[in-house]
Amino acid sequence: MTELDLPDNPALPQLFQLPDAQLLMWQQLFDPKTSRQLLAHLVQLPWQKPAIWMFGRMLPIPRKQVWMGDPHCSYRYSGVLFSPEPWTPILLKVTAMVSQLTGHPFNCVLLNRYDGGGEHMGWHSDDEPELGESPVIASLSLGQSRRFDLRHKDLGCQLQLTLADGDLLLMAGECQRFWQHALPKQARAEGTRYNLTFRYIAADRRNCEV
């Protein structure tokens, strides 16, 4: 895979009118050919299923993941220190593309792999201290389409999306402060979904305790 370019004129994103959040989505930002090329690269990564502290004991997460980024982008979560894998040239290029498109700098990415609809992500906010006061998260979906839920922490309002192959979702503003999101189980989603969530960690915020 030597070429990986955004369309010359990508379509404008869809803007969701939500309180206390800026939420935008570029549908099929990557076309099926580019998506297949990326998927062929992702399957070669060193996927892991780490155990973290949940419900009073150490349990493996219900998905596989790879943490990748600049050398200083380590973080501590639920008693486990995650140190970044070095960038691959392809994923460094994808990150630069997403940064340019969204206007937000990113220097690390959490890659999640969901092998079938039984693997999932519970309700949470990406608000770890090392991500700063108002974290901006860009989320690229590849492979199997999956449902994605959001809910406001105080107002009770909710939003349900379907994230399909090649879609890019940007969660900005005060989204991580006021909203939670989740990827629920879906019995009929038999294929594998890959999700790349791009983040930024300043050098003076590394190794923060969560």
N, C-alpha and C. Protein backbone atom coordinates (compact mmCIF):
# COMPACT_ATOMS: atom_id res chain seq x y z
N MET A 1 0.86 -1.20 0.00
CA MET A 1 0.00 0.00 0.00
C MET A 1 0.89 1.24 0.00
N THR A 2 0.93 1.92 -1.13
CA THR A 2 1.82 3.07 -1.26
C THR A 2 1.05 4.39 -1.35
N GLU A 3 -0.19 4.35 -1.86
CA GLU A 3 -0.98 5.56 -2.01
C GLU A 3 -2.15 5.55 -1.04
N LEU A 4 -2.36 6.69 -0.40
CA LEU A 4 -3.50 6.83 0.50
C LEU A 4 -3.84 8.31 0.56
N ASP A 5 -4.79 8.72 -0.25
CA ASP A 5 -5.10 10.13 -0.36
C ASP A 5 -6.58 10.38 -0.13
N LEU A 6 -6.86 11.48 0.55
CA LEU A 6 -8.24 11.91 0.69
C LEU A 6 -8.77 12.36 -0.66
N PRO A 7 -10.08 12.34 -0.86
CA PRO A 7 -10.65 12.90 -2.09
C PRO A 7 -10.23 14.35 -2.26
N ASP A 8 -10.15 14.79 -3.51
CA ASP A 8 -9.76 16.18 -3.76
C ASP A 8 -10.73 17.15 -3.11
N ASN A 9 -12.02 16.82 -3.14
CA ASN A 9 -13.03 17.68 -2.56
C ASN A 9 -13.97 16.85 -1.68
N PRO A 10 -13.52 16.49 -0.48
CA PRO A 10 -14.39 15.68 0.38
C PRO A 10 -15.68 16.43 0.70
N ALA A 11 -16.77 15.68 0.78
CA ALA A 11 -18.06 16.30 1.08
C ALA A 11 -18.02 16.96 2.45
N LEU A 12 -18.83 17.99 2.59
CA LEU A 12 -18.92 18.64 3.89
C LEU A 12 -19.51 17.69 4.92
N PRO A 13 -19.08 17.80 6.16
CA PRO A 13 -19.59 16.87 7.18
C PRO A 13 -21.01 17.22 7.60
N GLN A 14 -21.70 16.22 8.13
CA GLN A 14 -23.00 16.44 8.74
C GLN A 14 -22.78 16.96 10.15
N LEU A 15 -23.48 18.03 10.49
CA LEU A 15 -23.37 18.64 11.82
C LEU A 15 -24.61 18.28 12.63
N PHE A 16 -24.39 17.71 13.80
CA PHE A 16 -25.50 17.34 14.69
C PHE A 16 -25.70 18.46 15.71
N GLN A 17 -26.93 18.90 15.85
CA GLN A 17 -27.27 19.96 16.78
C GLN A 17 -27.51 19.35 18.16
N LEU A 18 -26.47 19.38 18.99
CA LEU A 18 -26.54 18.81 20.33
C LEU A 18 -26.16 19.85 21.37
N PRO A 19 -26.77 19.81 22.54
CA PRO A 19 -26.33 20.73 23.61
C PRO A 19 -24.97 20.29 24.16
N ASP A 20 -24.12 21.25 24.43
CA ASP A 20 -22.84 21.01 25.11
C ASP A 20 -21.92 20.10 24.31
N ALA A 21 -21.98 20.15 22.99
CA ALA A 21 -21.09 19.29 22.19
C ALA A 21 -21.01 19.81 20.77
N GLN A 22 -19.90 19.51 20.14
CA GLN A 22 -19.75 19.71 18.70
C GLN A 22 -19.53 18.33 18.09
N LEU A 23 -20.46 17.88 17.26
CA LEU A 23 -20.42 16.54 16.70
C LEU A 23 -20.60 16.64 15.18
N LEU A 24 -19.59 16.14 14.44
CA LEU A 24 -19.63 16.18 12.98
C LEU A 24 -19.29 14.80 12.44
N MET A 25 -19.88 14.47 11.28
CA MET A 25 -19.58 13.18 10.67
C MET A 25 -19.39 13.34 9.16
N TRP A 26 -18.27 12.79 8.68
CA TRP A 26 -18.00 12.66 7.26
C TRP A 26 -18.36 11.23 6.87
N GLN A 27 -19.41 11.04 6.10
CA GLN A 27 -19.81 9.70 5.70
C GLN A 27 -18.95 9.20 4.56
N GLN A 28 -18.47 7.97 4.71
CA GLN A 28 -17.61 7.30 3.73
C GLN A 28 -16.48 8.24 3.27
N LEU A 29 -15.77 8.77 4.24
CA LEU A 29 -14.61 9.60 3.93
C LEU A 29 -13.59 8.80 3.11
N PHE A 30 -13.39 7.54 3.49
CA PHE A 30 -12.53 6.65 2.72
C PHE A 30 -13.41 5.74 1.87
N ASP A 31 -13.12 5.67 0.58
CA ASP A 31 -13.92 4.83 -0.31
C ASP A 31 -13.60 3.36 -0.06
N PRO A 32 -14.42 2.42 -0.61
CA PRO A 32 -14.22 1.00 -0.31
C PRO A 32 -12.82 0.49 -0.66
N LYS A 33 -12.23 0.98 -1.74
CA LYS A 33 -10.89 0.52 -2.12
C LYS A 33 -9.86 0.92 -1.06
N THR A 34 -9.89 2.18 -0.64
CA THR A 34 -8.95 2.63 0.39
C THR A 34 -9.19 1.92 1.70
N SER A 35 -10.45 1.71 2.03
CA SER A 35 -10.78 0.99 3.25
C SER A 35 -10.19 -0.42 3.24
N ARG A 36 -10.31 -1.12 2.12
CA ARG A 36 -9.75 -2.47 2.03
C ARG A 36 -8.24 -2.45 2.20
N GLN A 37 -7.60 -1.43 1.65
CA GLN A 37 -6.14 -1.32 1.81
C GLN A 37 -5.77 -1.11 3.28
N LEU A 38 -6.53 -0.25 3.95
CA LEU A 38 -6.26 -0.02 5.36
C LEU A 38 -6.51 -1.27 6.20
N LEU A 39 -7.59 -1.97 5.90
CA LEU A 39 -7.89 -3.19 6.65
C LEU A 39 -6.79 -4.23 6.49
N ALA A 40 -6.23 -4.33 5.29
CA ALA A 40 -5.14 -5.29 5.06
C ALA A 40 -3.93 -4.94 5.91
N HIS A 41 -3.74 -3.65 6.19
CA HIS A 41 -2.63 -3.23 7.05
C HIS A 41 -2.96 -3.49 8.52
N LEU A 42 -4.18 -3.22 8.92
CA LEU A 42 -4.55 -3.33 10.33
C LEU A 42 -4.46 -4.76 10.85
N VAL A 43 -4.78 -5.73 10.02
CA VAL A 43 -4.75 -7.12 10.51
C VAL A 43 -3.35 -7.54 10.92
N GLN A 44 -2.32 -6.83 10.47
CA GLN A 44 -0.94 -7.20 10.77
C GLN A 44 -0.43 -6.59 12.07
N LEU A 45 -1.22 -5.74 12.70
CA LEU A 45 -0.77 -5.06 13.91
C LEU A 45 -0.74 -6.02 15.11
N PRO A 46 0.03 -5.69 16.15
CA PRO A 46 0.15 -6.56 17.34
C PRO A 46 -1.03 -6.39 18.29
N TRP A 47 -2.17 -6.94 17.93
CA TRP A 47 -3.38 -6.78 18.73
C TRP A 47 -3.25 -7.49 20.08
N GLN A 48 -3.79 -6.83 21.12
CA GLN A 48 -3.74 -7.37 22.47
C GLN A 48 -5.12 -7.27 23.12
N LYS A 49 -5.33 -8.07 24.13
CA LYS A 49 -6.57 -8.02 24.91
C LYS A 49 -6.18 -7.88 26.37
N PRO A 50 -5.79 -6.68 26.78
CA PRO A 50 -5.27 -6.50 28.14
C PRO A 50 -6.37 -6.63 29.19
N ALA A 51 -5.95 -6.94 30.39
CA ALA A 51 -6.86 -6.96 31.54
C ALA A 51 -6.73 -5.64 32.28
N ILE A 52 -7.88 -5.08 32.67
CA ILE A 52 -7.88 -3.85 33.46
C ILE A 52 -8.76 -4.06 34.69
N TRP A 53 -8.67 -3.14 35.62
CA TRP A 53 -9.41 -3.26 36.87
C TRP A 53 -10.86 -2.85 36.65
N MET A 54 -11.78 -3.84 36.74
CA MET A 54 -13.21 -3.59 36.56
C MET A 54 -13.99 -4.41 37.58
N PHE A 55 -15.01 -3.78 38.16
CA PHE A 55 -15.89 -4.48 39.09
C PHE A 55 -15.12 -5.17 40.22
N GLY A 56 -14.05 -4.51 40.67
CA GLY A 56 -13.30 -5.01 41.80
C GLY A 56 -12.28 -6.09 41.50
N ARG A 57 -12.04 -6.37 40.21
CA ARG A 57 -11.04 -7.38 39.87
C ARG A 57 -10.49 -7.11 38.47
N MET A 58 -9.40 -7.77 38.14
CA MET A 58 -8.78 -7.61 36.83
C MET A 58 -9.51 -8.50 35.82
N LEU A 59 -10.03 -7.89 34.77
CA LEU A 59 -10.78 -8.61 33.75
C LEU A 59 -10.29 -8.20 32.36
N PRO A 60 -10.25 -9.12 31.39
CA PRO A 60 -9.87 -8.75 30.03
C PRO A 60 -10.94 -7.88 29.39
N ILE A 61 -10.54 -6.92 28.61
CA ILE A 61 -11.51 -6.06 27.93
C ILE A 61 -12.23 -6.86 26.84
N PRO A 62 -13.50 -6.53 26.53
CA PRO A 62 -14.27 -7.29 25.54
C PRO A 62 -14.01 -6.85 24.10
N ARG A 63 -12.76 -6.75 23.73
CA ARG A 63 -12.33 -6.35 22.38
C ARG A 63 -10.82 -6.46 22.37
N LYS A 64 -10.20 -6.22 21.23
CA LYS A 64 -8.74 -6.17 21.14
C LYS A 64 -8.32 -4.73 20.84
N GLN A 65 -7.09 -4.38 21.20
CA GLN A 65 -6.67 -3.01 20.99
C GLN A 65 -5.17 -2.92 20.73
N VAL A 66 -4.79 -1.79 20.14
CA VAL A 66 -3.40 -1.37 19.97
C VAL A 66 -3.34 0.12 20.30
N TRP A 67 -2.39 0.51 21.12
CA TRP A 67 -2.17 1.93 21.44
C TRP A 67 -0.92 2.36 20.69
N MET A 68 -1.03 3.40 19.87
CA MET A 68 0.07 3.83 19.01
C MET A 68 0.20 5.34 19.06
N GLY A 69 1.44 5.83 18.99
CA GLY A 69 1.60 7.28 18.99
C GLY A 69 3.04 7.72 19.17
N ASP A 70 3.20 9.03 19.40
CA ASP A 70 4.52 9.58 19.66
C ASP A 70 5.09 8.98 20.94
N PRO A 71 6.42 8.97 21.09
CA PRO A 71 7.03 8.26 22.22
C PRO A 71 6.53 8.70 23.60
N HIS A 72 6.16 9.97 23.77
CA HIS A 72 5.76 10.43 25.10
C HIS A 72 4.31 10.09 25.45
N CYS A 73 3.57 9.52 24.53
CA CYS A 73 2.12 9.35 24.71
C CYS A 73 1.75 8.08 25.48
N SER A 74 2.31 7.93 26.66
CA SER A 74 1.89 6.85 27.55
C SER A 74 0.78 7.37 28.46
N TYR A 75 -0.07 6.46 28.91
CA TYR A 75 -1.08 6.86 29.88
C TYR A 75 -1.41 5.68 30.78
N ARG A 76 -1.91 6.01 31.95
CA ARG A 76 -2.24 4.99 32.94
C ARG A 76 -3.75 4.95 33.11
N TYR A 77 -4.32 3.75 32.93
CA TYR A 77 -5.77 3.60 33.01
C TYR A 77 -6.11 2.33 33.79
N SER A 78 -6.94 2.49 34.82
CA SER A 78 -7.38 1.35 35.65
C SER A 78 -6.21 0.50 36.14
N GLY A 79 -5.16 1.18 36.57
CA GLY A 79 -4.03 0.48 37.15
C GLY A 79 -3.05 -0.11 36.15
N VAL A 80 -3.26 0.14 34.86
CA VAL A 80 -2.38 -0.42 33.84
C VAL A 80 -1.74 0.71 33.05
N LEU A 81 -0.41 0.65 32.88
CA LEU A 81 0.31 1.64 32.10
C LEU A 81 0.36 1.17 30.64
N PHE A 82 -0.14 2.00 29.75
CA PHE A 82 -0.12 1.71 28.33
C PHE A 82 0.93 2.58 27.67
N SER A 83 1.94 1.94 27.08
CA SER A 83 2.99 2.64 26.35
C SER A 83 2.73 2.47 24.86
N PRO A 84 2.95 3.51 24.06
CA PRO A 84 2.56 3.45 22.65
C PRO A 84 3.48 2.57 21.81
N GLU A 85 2.87 1.84 20.89
CA GLU A 85 3.63 1.20 19.82
C GLU A 85 4.13 2.30 18.89
N PRO A 86 5.28 2.11 18.26
CA PRO A 86 5.76 3.13 17.31
C PRO A 86 4.84 3.20 16.10
N TRP A 87 4.78 4.38 15.52
CA TRP A 87 3.95 4.59 14.34
C TRP A 87 4.35 3.67 13.19
N THR A 88 3.37 3.18 12.47
CA THR A 88 3.64 2.62 11.15
C THR A 88 3.51 3.77 10.15
N PRO A 89 4.24 3.73 9.04
CA PRO A 89 4.14 4.84 8.08
C PRO A 89 2.72 5.09 7.60
N ILE A 90 1.95 4.02 7.41
CA ILE A 90 0.59 4.18 6.90
C ILE A 90 -0.29 4.90 7.92
N LEU A 91 -0.22 4.48 9.18
CA LEU A 91 -1.09 5.09 10.19
C LEU A 91 -0.64 6.50 10.54
N LEU A 92 0.64 6.78 10.42
CA LEU A 92 1.11 8.16 10.60
C LEU A 92 0.53 9.05 9.51
N LYS A 93 0.45 8.51 8.30
CA LYS A 93 -0.12 9.28 7.19
C LYS A 93 -1.62 9.50 7.38
N VAL A 94 -2.32 8.46 7.82
CA VAL A 94 -3.75 8.60 8.09
C VAL A 94 -4.00 9.65 9.16
N THR A 95 -3.18 9.63 10.22
CA THR A 95 -3.33 10.60 11.30
C THR A 95 -3.12 12.02 10.81
N ALA A 96 -2.12 12.22 9.97
CA ALA A 96 -1.87 13.55 9.41
C ALA A 96 -3.05 14.00 8.55
N MET A 97 -3.64 13.07 7.79
CA MET A 97 -4.82 13.39 6.97
C MET A 97 -5.98 13.86 7.84
N VAL A 98 -6.25 13.09 8.90
CA VAL A 98 -7.37 13.42 9.77
C VAL A 98 -7.13 14.75 10.47
N SER A 99 -5.91 15.01 10.88
CA SER A 99 -5.58 16.29 11.51
C SER A 99 -5.82 17.45 10.56
N GLN A 100 -5.41 17.28 9.31
CA GLN A 100 -5.58 18.35 8.33
C GLN A 100 -7.06 18.58 8.03
N LEU A 101 -7.81 17.52 7.87
CA LEU A 101 -9.23 17.64 7.53
C LEU A 101 -10.02 18.31 8.64
N THR A 102 -9.78 17.89 9.89
CA THR A 102 -10.58 18.39 11.02
C THR A 102 -10.06 19.70 11.59
N GLY A 103 -8.80 20.04 11.31
CA GLY A 103 -8.22 21.23 11.88
C GLY A 103 -7.76 21.06 13.31
N HIS A 104 -7.63 19.80 13.76
CA HIS A 104 -7.17 19.51 15.13
C HIS A 104 -5.93 18.62 15.06
N PRO A 105 -4.88 18.94 15.83
CA PRO A 105 -3.69 18.09 15.82
C PRO A 105 -3.92 16.80 16.60
N PHE A 106 -3.40 15.71 16.09
CA PHE A 106 -3.45 14.41 16.78
C PHE A 106 -2.06 13.79 16.76
N ASN A 107 -1.67 13.19 17.90
CA ASN A 107 -0.35 12.56 17.95
C ASN A 107 -0.39 11.14 18.53
N CYS A 108 -1.57 10.57 18.66
CA CYS A 108 -1.71 9.19 19.12
C CYS A 108 -3.06 8.66 18.67
N VAL A 109 -3.18 7.34 18.67
CA VAL A 109 -4.42 6.74 18.24
C VAL A 109 -4.64 5.43 19.00
N LEU A 110 -5.85 5.25 19.50
CA LEU A 110 -6.26 3.98 20.10
C LEU A 110 -7.03 3.21 19.04
N LEU A 111 -6.52 2.04 18.67
CA LEU A 111 -7.18 1.21 17.68
C LEU A 111 -7.90 0.08 18.40
N ASN A 112 -9.19 -0.05 18.14
CA ASN A 112 -9.99 -1.12 18.72
C ASN A 112 -10.46 -2.06 17.62
N ARG A 113 -10.48 -3.33 17.93
CA ARG A 113 -10.94 -4.36 16.99
C ARG A 113 -12.04 -5.18 17.66
N TYR A 114 -13.20 -5.21 17.01
CA TYR A 114 -14.37 -5.92 17.54
C TYR A 114 -14.65 -7.10 16.61
N ASP A 115 -14.34 -8.30 17.07
CA ASP A 115 -14.54 -9.50 16.27
C ASP A 115 -15.95 -10.03 16.48
N GLY A 116 -16.90 -9.46 15.78
CA GLY A 116 -18.28 -9.87 15.91
C GLY A 116 -19.06 -9.00 16.87
N GLY A 117 -20.39 -9.13 16.80
CA GLY A 117 -21.26 -8.25 17.56
C GLY A 117 -21.26 -8.47 19.06
N GLY A 118 -20.67 -9.55 19.54
CA GLY A 118 -20.59 -9.77 20.98
C GLY A 118 -19.53 -8.92 21.65
N GLU A 119 -18.56 -8.44 20.90
CA GLU A 119 -17.53 -7.57 21.47
C GLU A 119 -18.04 -6.14 21.43
N HIS A 120 -17.74 -5.38 22.48
CA HIS A 120 -18.42 -4.11 22.65
C HIS A 120 -17.58 -3.15 23.49
N MET A 121 -18.14 -1.95 23.69
CA MET A 121 -17.55 -0.93 24.55
C MET A 121 -18.67 -0.33 25.39
N GLY A 122 -18.51 -0.31 26.72
CA GLY A 122 -19.54 0.22 27.60
C GLY A 122 -19.55 1.74 27.63
N TRP A 123 -20.49 2.28 28.37
CA TRP A 123 -20.64 3.74 28.49
C TRP A 123 -19.40 4.36 29.13
N HIS A 124 -18.91 5.42 28.51
CA HIS A 124 -17.72 6.10 29.04
C HIS A 124 -17.56 7.44 28.33
N SER A 125 -16.68 8.25 28.85
CA SER A 125 -16.22 9.48 28.19
C SER A 125 -14.71 9.37 28.04
N ASP A 126 -14.19 9.90 26.96
CA ASP A 126 -12.74 9.94 26.76
C ASP A 126 -12.22 11.21 27.42
N ASP A 127 -12.16 11.19 28.74
CA ASP A 127 -11.82 12.38 29.51
C ASP A 127 -10.64 12.15 30.44
N GLU A 128 -9.73 11.26 30.05
CA GLU A 128 -8.54 11.04 30.86
C GLU A 128 -7.78 12.35 31.03
N PRO A 129 -7.17 12.59 32.19
CA PRO A 129 -6.51 13.87 32.46
C PRO A 129 -5.45 14.25 31.42
N GLU A 130 -4.74 13.27 30.90
CA GLU A 130 -3.67 13.61 29.95
C GLU A 130 -4.19 14.14 28.62
N LEU A 131 -5.50 13.99 28.36
CA LEU A 131 -6.08 14.50 27.12
C LEU A 131 -6.43 15.98 27.20
N GLY A 132 -6.29 16.58 28.37
CA GLY A 132 -6.53 18.02 28.50
C GLY A 132 -7.94 18.36 28.95
N GLU A 133 -8.24 19.66 28.94
CA GLU A 133 -9.50 20.15 29.49
C GLU A 133 -10.71 19.82 28.60
N SER A 134 -10.55 19.96 27.31
CA SER A 134 -11.66 19.71 26.37
C SER A 134 -11.15 18.82 25.25
N PRO A 135 -11.05 17.52 25.50
CA PRO A 135 -10.45 16.62 24.50
C PRO A 135 -11.25 16.60 23.20
N VAL A 136 -10.52 16.53 22.11
CA VAL A 136 -11.11 16.36 20.78
C VAL A 136 -10.76 14.95 20.31
N ILE A 137 -11.77 14.20 19.94
CA ILE A 137 -11.59 12.81 19.52
C ILE A 137 -12.14 12.66 18.11
N ALA A 138 -11.33 12.15 17.21
CA ALA A 138 -11.78 11.80 15.86
C ALA A 138 -11.81 10.28 15.75
N SER A 139 -12.94 9.74 15.30
CA SER A 139 -13.16 8.30 15.31
C SER A 139 -13.42 7.80 13.89
N LEU A 140 -12.53 6.96 13.38
CA LEU A 140 -12.65 6.40 12.04
C LEU A 140 -13.11 4.95 12.15
N SER A 141 -14.19 4.61 11.44
CA SER A 141 -14.73 3.25 11.45
C SER A 141 -14.39 2.55 10.14
N LEU A 142 -14.00 1.28 10.25
CA LEU A 142 -13.66 0.47 9.08
C LEU A 142 -14.26 -0.92 9.27
N GLY A 143 -14.73 -1.50 8.18
CA GLY A 143 -15.28 -2.85 8.26
C GLY A 143 -16.75 -2.85 8.59
N GLN A 144 -17.15 -3.75 9.48
CA GLN A 144 -18.55 -3.96 9.85
C GLN A 144 -19.21 -2.69 10.39
N SER A 145 -20.39 -2.37 9.88
CA SER A 145 -21.18 -1.26 10.44
C SER A 145 -21.64 -1.63 11.84
N ARG A 146 -21.61 -0.67 12.75
CA ARG A 146 -22.08 -0.90 14.12
C ARG A 146 -22.85 0.30 14.63
N ARG A 147 -23.73 0.03 15.58
CA ARG A 147 -24.48 1.08 16.25
C ARG A 147 -23.58 1.80 17.23
N PHE A 148 -23.78 3.11 17.34
CA PHE A 148 -22.99 3.95 18.25
C PHE A 148 -23.97 4.84 18.99
N ASP A 149 -23.95 4.78 20.32
CA ASP A 149 -24.90 5.52 21.15
C ASP A 149 -24.20 6.63 21.92
N LEU A 150 -24.90 7.75 22.08
CA LEU A 150 -24.44 8.85 22.92
C LEU A 150 -25.57 9.26 23.85
N ARG A 151 -25.20 9.69 25.07
CA ARG A 151 -26.19 10.20 26.01
C ARG A 151 -25.60 11.33 26.83
N HIS A 152 -26.41 12.35 27.07
CA HIS A 152 -25.98 13.49 27.89
C HIS A 152 -26.00 13.07 29.37
N LYS A 153 -24.98 13.47 30.10
CA LYS A 153 -24.85 13.05 31.48
C LYS A 153 -25.91 13.67 32.39
N ASP A 154 -26.43 14.85 32.04
CA ASP A 154 -27.35 15.56 32.93
C ASP A 154 -28.75 15.73 32.34
N LEU A 155 -28.86 15.93 31.03
CA LEU A 155 -30.13 16.31 30.43
C LEU A 155 -30.99 15.12 30.00
N GLY A 156 -30.39 13.93 29.91
CA GLY A 156 -31.16 12.76 29.53
C GLY A 156 -31.36 12.58 28.04
N CYS A 157 -30.91 13.54 27.21
CA CYS A 157 -31.08 13.38 25.76
C CYS A 157 -30.07 12.38 25.22
N GLN A 158 -30.45 11.69 24.14
CA GLN A 158 -29.64 10.63 23.56
C GLN A 158 -29.60 10.75 22.05
N LEU A 159 -28.60 10.14 21.46
CA LEU A 159 -28.47 10.07 20.01
C LEU A 159 -27.95 8.69 19.65
N GLN A 160 -28.54 8.09 18.61
CA GLN A 160 -28.11 6.78 18.14
C GLN A 160 -27.69 6.91 16.68
N LEU A 161 -26.47 6.49 16.37
CA LEU A 161 -25.93 6.56 15.01
C LEU A 161 -25.56 5.17 14.53
N THR A 162 -25.48 5.01 13.22
CA THR A 162 -24.85 3.85 12.63
C THR A 162 -23.55 4.30 11.99
N LEU A 163 -22.43 3.76 12.46
CA LEU A 163 -21.13 4.10 11.90
C LEU A 163 -20.73 3.00 10.94
N ALA A 164 -20.56 3.38 9.67
CA ALA A 164 -20.30 2.42 8.61
C ALA A 164 -18.86 2.50 8.14
N ASP A 165 -18.50 1.61 7.26
CA ASP A 165 -17.15 1.51 6.72
C ASP A 165 -16.74 2.84 6.09
N GLY A 166 -15.64 3.41 6.58
CA GLY A 166 -15.11 4.64 6.02
C GLY A 166 -15.62 5.92 6.64
N ASP A 167 -16.54 5.83 7.62
CA ASP A 167 -17.08 7.04 8.26
C ASP A 167 -16.10 7.61 9.28
N LEU A 168 -16.06 8.95 9.34
CA LEU A 168 -15.24 9.64 10.34
C LEU A 168 -16.16 10.50 11.20
N LEU A 169 -16.12 10.30 12.51
CA LEU A 169 -16.91 11.07 13.46
C LEU A 169 -15.98 11.92 14.31
N LEU A 170 -16.30 13.20 14.44
CA LEU A 170 -15.52 14.12 15.26
C LEU A 170 -16.33 14.53 16.47
N MET A 171 -15.79 14.27 17.66
CA MET A 171 -16.41 14.69 18.92
C MET A 171 -15.55 15.79 19.52
N ALA A 172 -16.07 17.02 19.51
CA ALA A 172 -15.27 18.17 19.93
C ALA A 172 -16.09 19.04 20.89
N GLY A 173 -15.58 20.25 21.14
CA GLY A 173 -16.23 21.13 22.09
C GLY A 173 -16.18 20.53 23.48
N GLU A 174 -17.32 20.54 24.18
CA GLU A 174 -17.42 20.00 25.54
C GLU A 174 -18.03 18.60 25.53
N CYS A 175 -17.92 17.89 24.41
CA CYS A 175 -18.57 16.59 24.27
C CYS A 175 -18.14 15.61 25.35
N GLN A 176 -16.84 15.51 25.60
CA GLN A 176 -16.35 14.51 26.57
C GLN A 176 -16.66 14.90 28.01
N ARG A 177 -16.94 16.16 28.24
CA ARG A 177 -17.31 16.60 29.58
C ARG A 177 -18.77 16.30 29.90
N PHE A 178 -19.64 16.48 28.90
CA PHE A 178 -21.08 16.39 29.16
C PHE A 178 -21.74 15.13 28.58
N TRP A 179 -21.05 14.39 27.74
CA TRP A 179 -21.65 13.24 27.08
C TRP A 179 -20.86 11.97 27.33
N GLN A 180 -21.56 10.84 27.30
CA GLN A 180 -20.93 9.52 27.28
C GLN A 180 -21.30 8.84 25.95
N HIS A 181 -20.49 7.87 25.56
CA HIS A 181 -20.79 7.12 24.36
C HIS A 181 -20.48 5.64 24.58
N ALA A 182 -21.06 4.80 23.74
CA ALA A 182 -20.91 3.36 23.90
C ALA A 182 -21.10 2.68 22.55
N LEU A 183 -20.49 1.51 22.42
CA LEU A 183 -20.71 0.63 21.27
C LEU A 183 -21.38 -0.63 21.83
N PRO A 184 -22.70 -0.74 21.75
CA PRO A 184 -23.40 -1.87 22.37
C PRO A 184 -23.22 -3.17 21.59
N LYS A 185 -23.55 -4.27 22.23
CA LYS A 185 -23.55 -5.55 21.55
C LYS A 185 -24.61 -5.56 20.46
N GLN A 186 -24.30 -6.24 19.35
CA GLN A 186 -25.25 -6.40 18.24
C GLN A 186 -25.11 -7.82 17.70
N ALA A 187 -26.07 -8.65 18.01
CA ALA A 187 -25.97 -10.07 17.66
C ALA A 187 -25.84 -10.28 16.15
N ARG A 188 -26.48 -9.43 15.36
CA ARG A 188 -26.47 -9.63 13.91
C ARG A 188 -25.24 -9.07 13.22
N ALA A 189 -24.39 -8.35 13.95
CA ALA A 189 -23.16 -7.79 13.37
C ALA A 189 -22.07 -8.84 13.44
N GLU A 190 -21.99 -9.67 12.41
CA GLU A 190 -21.09 -10.82 12.45
C GLU A 190 -19.67 -10.51 12.01
N GLY A 191 -19.48 -9.44 11.26
CA GLY A 191 -18.15 -9.11 10.75
C GLY A 191 -17.30 -8.40 11.77
N THR A 192 -16.06 -8.12 11.40
CA THR A 192 -15.11 -7.43 12.27
C THR A 192 -15.15 -5.93 12.00
N ARG A 193 -15.23 -5.18 13.07
CA ARG A 193 -15.19 -3.72 12.97
C ARG A 193 -13.90 -3.21 13.59
N TYR A 194 -13.22 -2.32 12.87
CA TYR A 194 -12.05 -1.64 13.39
C TYR A 194 -12.41 -0.18 13.64
N ASN A 195 -11.94 0.36 14.74
CA ASN A 195 -12.21 1.74 15.10
C ASN A 195 -10.91 2.41 15.53
N LEU A 196 -10.59 3.51 14.88
CA LEU A 196 -9.37 4.26 15.19
C LEU A 196 -9.79 5.58 15.81
N THR A 197 -9.45 5.79 17.09
CA THR A 197 -9.79 7.04 17.75
C THR A 197 -8.52 7.85 17.95
N PHE A 198 -8.46 8.97 17.24
CA PHE A 198 -7.28 9.83 17.24
C PHE A 198 -7.38 10.83 18.37
N ARG A 199 -6.26 11.04 19.06
CA ARG A 199 -6.22 11.89 20.24
C ARG A 199 -4.96 12.74 20.24
N TYR A 200 -4.89 13.69 21.19
CA TYR A 200 -3.69 14.51 21.37
C TYR A 200 -3.31 14.52 22.83
N ILE A 201 -2.04 14.22 23.11
CA ILE A 201 -1.48 14.27 24.46
C ILE A 201 -0.28 15.20 24.45
N ALA A 202 -0.35 16.26 25.24
CA ALA A 202 0.78 17.18 25.36
C ALA A 202 1.88 16.51 26.17
N ALA A 203 3.12 16.89 25.89
CA ALA A 203 4.26 16.25 26.55
C ALA A 203 4.21 16.41 28.07
N ASP A 204 3.64 17.53 28.57
CA ASP A 204 3.62 17.75 30.01
C ASP A 204 2.46 17.06 30.71
N ARG A 205 1.65 16.27 29.95
CA ARG A 205 0.53 15.56 30.57
C ARG A 205 0.71 14.05 30.54
N ARG A 206 1.84 13.56 30.14
CA ARG A 206 2.04 12.11 30.02
C ARG A 206 2.00 11.44 31.39
N ASN A 207 1.63 10.15 31.33
CA ASN A 207 1.62 9.28 32.52
C ASN A 207 0.69 9.76 33.62
N CYS A 208 -0.40 10.47 33.24
CA CYS A 208 -1.37 10.87 34.25
C CYS A 208 -2.10 9.64 34.78
N GLU A 209 -2.45 9.68 36.04
CA GLU A 209 -3.18 8.56 36.66
C GLU A 209 -4.67 8.75 36.46
N VAL A 210 -5.35 7.66 36.04
CA VAL A 210 -6.80 7.69 35.85
C VAL A 210 -7.43 6.75 36.88
